Amino acid sequence: MPAPQADARLVEIRTYRLKPGHAARFEAAMAQALPMVRASGMDVIAFGRSDHEHESYYLIRAYADRAQLDAQQQAFYSSAAWRQGPRQGLVDCLQDYLNTLLWLAPGSIEDLRARNGL
């Protein structure tokens, strides 16, 4: 795989598959979680329900590189605010989730943000 362009950002696409009937509860928990994620410094590009499957959602975030992704996520997901806040409500809704990482140019990220933003 070729090295990313100098201005490229590492994009994480996290897809969630929910337990049947948990969509409303998941959305309520994410309404609490997303402001916390943003406040922690993570660049949330988009969040929403997948167009193809009723019980699937996505969260797309961008980072400078893998080191920033690891540092920001470790700090956030180990924080008391997350662990004592919406974490359990979200986890209880999940059947499973999958993360995919890819490099994108800034223009592509802004297009994702504009077309799929919150």
Protein backbone atom coordinates (compact mmCIF):
# COMPACT_ATOMS: atom_id res chain seq x y z
CA MET A 1 0.00 0.00 0.00
CA PRO A 2 1.46 3.40 -0.93
CA ALA A 3 2.13 5.99 1.76
CA PRO A 4 -0.67 8.54 2.28
CA GLN A 5 -0.32 12.02 0.78
CA ALA A 6 1.18 14.61 3.10
CA ASP A 7 -2.16 16.33 3.78
CA ALA A 8 -4.21 13.12 4.07
CA ARG A 9 -6.00 12.28 7.31
CA LEU A 10 -6.71 8.90 8.81
CA VAL A 11 -10.44 8.27 8.78
CA GLU A 12 -12.12 5.72 11.02
CA ILE A 13 -15.48 4.38 9.95
CA ARG A 14 -17.13 2.60 12.86
CA THR A 15 -20.25 0.65 12.05
CA TYR A 16 -22.59 -0.55 14.75
CA ARG A 17 -25.05 -3.42 14.41
CA LEU A 18 -27.72 -3.10 17.07
CA LYS A 19 -29.78 -5.66 18.86
CA PRO A 20 -33.29 -5.73 17.38
CA GLY A 21 -35.53 -3.01 18.80
CA HIS A 22 -32.72 -0.95 20.34
CA ALA A 23 -32.50 1.90 17.80
CA ALA A 24 -34.34 4.55 19.85
CA ARG A 25 -32.32 3.75 22.98
CA PHE A 26 -29.06 3.82 20.97
CA GLU A 27 -29.90 7.18 19.41
CA ALA A 28 -30.71 8.65 22.83
CA ALA A 29 -27.38 7.43 24.24
CA MET A 30 -25.49 8.77 21.22
CA ALA A 31 -27.17 12.15 21.64
CA GLN A 32 -25.41 12.29 25.01
CA ALA A 33 -22.15 10.71 23.81
CA LEU A 34 -21.45 12.70 20.63
CA PRO A 35 -20.96 16.08 22.38
CA MET A 36 -18.56 14.34 24.76
CA VAL A 37 -16.61 12.81 21.86
CA ARG A 38 -16.32 16.21 20.18
CA ALA A 39 -15.36 17.95 23.42
CA SER A 40 -12.53 15.46 23.84
CA GLY A 41 -10.98 16.77 20.62
CA MET A 42 -11.99 14.04 18.19
CA ASP A 43 -13.13 15.27 14.78
CA VAL A 44 -16.57 13.73 14.24
CA ILE A 45 -17.36 13.88 10.54
CA ALA A 46 -20.69 12.08 10.48
CA PHE A 47 -23.07 9.91 12.47
CA GLY A 48 -26.32 8.32 11.44
CA ARG A 49 -28.39 5.32 10.49
CA SER A 50 -27.25 3.27 7.55
CA ASP A 51 -29.50 3.59 4.52
CA HIS A 52 -29.43 -0.14 3.81
CA GLU A 53 -30.18 -1.71 7.18
CA HIS A 54 -32.54 -0.48 9.89
CA GLU A 55 -30.43 -1.73 12.84
CA SER A 56 -27.07 -0.39 11.55
CA TYR A 57 -25.44 2.96 12.33
CA TYR A 58 -22.13 4.60 11.50
CA LEU A 59 -19.74 7.00 13.21
CA ILE A 60 -17.00 8.57 11.09
CA ARG A 61 -14.06 10.37 12.68
CA ALA A 62 -10.80 11.83 11.29
CA TYR A 63 -7.33 11.96 12.82
CA ALA A 64 -3.90 13.24 11.83
CA ASP A 65 -2.45 9.73 12.08
CA ARG A 66 -2.65 6.43 13.97
CA ALA A 67 -0.81 7.83 16.99
CA GLN A 68 -3.41 10.58 17.40
CA LEU A 69 -6.27 8.09 16.98
CA ASP A 70 -4.80 5.80 19.65
CA ALA A 71 -4.06 8.64 22.09
CA GLN A 72 -7.42 10.37 21.76
CA GLN A 73 -9.46 7.20 21.93
CA GLN A 74 -7.49 5.81 24.87
CA ALA A 75 -7.94 9.05 26.81
CA PHE A 76 -11.64 9.27 26.00
CA TYR A 77 -12.68 5.65 26.48
CA SER A 78 -10.79 5.36 29.77
CA SER A 79 -12.26 8.57 31.20
CA ALA A 80 -14.63 8.53 34.16
CA ALA A 81 -17.06 10.76 32.25
CA TRP A 82 -17.43 8.10 29.54
CA ARG A 83 -17.43 5.10 31.85
CA GLN A 84 -19.92 6.62 34.28
CA GLY A 85 -21.90 8.34 31.52
CA PRO A 86 -23.42 6.94 28.32
CA ARG A 87 -21.05 3.98 27.87
CA GLN A 88 -23.22 1.25 29.36
CA GLY A 89 -26.35 2.49 27.61
CA LEU A 90 -24.56 2.22 24.28
CA VAL A 91 -22.92 -1.12 24.98
CA ASP A 92 -26.26 -2.63 25.99
CA CYS A 93 -27.64 -1.82 22.52
CA LEU A 94 -24.83 -3.39 20.50
CA GLN A 95 -24.85 -6.74 18.82
CA ASP A 96 -21.39 -5.93 17.45
CA TYR A 97 -19.33 -3.20 15.79
CA LEU A 98 -16.53 -2.94 13.23
CA ASN A 99 -13.84 -0.31 12.68
CA THR A 100 -12.30 0.40 9.29
CA LEU A 101 -9.37 2.80 8.80
CA LEU A 102 -8.44 4.55 5.56
CA TRP A 103 -6.56 7.63 4.44
CA LEU A 104 -8.52 10.41 2.75
CA ALA A 105 -7.68 13.82 1.32
CA PRO A 106 -9.13 16.82 3.18
CA GLY A 107 -11.57 17.55 0.34
CA SER A 108 -13.00 14.05 0.55
CA ILE A 109 -13.44 14.41 4.29
CA GLU A 110 -15.26 17.71 3.87
CA ASP A 111 -17.50 16.12 1.24
CA LEU A 112 -18.36 13.32 3.69
CA ARG A 113 -19.07 15.90 6.37
CA ALA A 114 -21.34 17.97 4.10
CA ARG A 115 -23.31 15.03 2.71
CA ASN A 116 -23.64 12.96 5.88
CA GLY A 117 -23.15 15.38 8.72
CA LEU A 118 -25.16 15.72 11.84
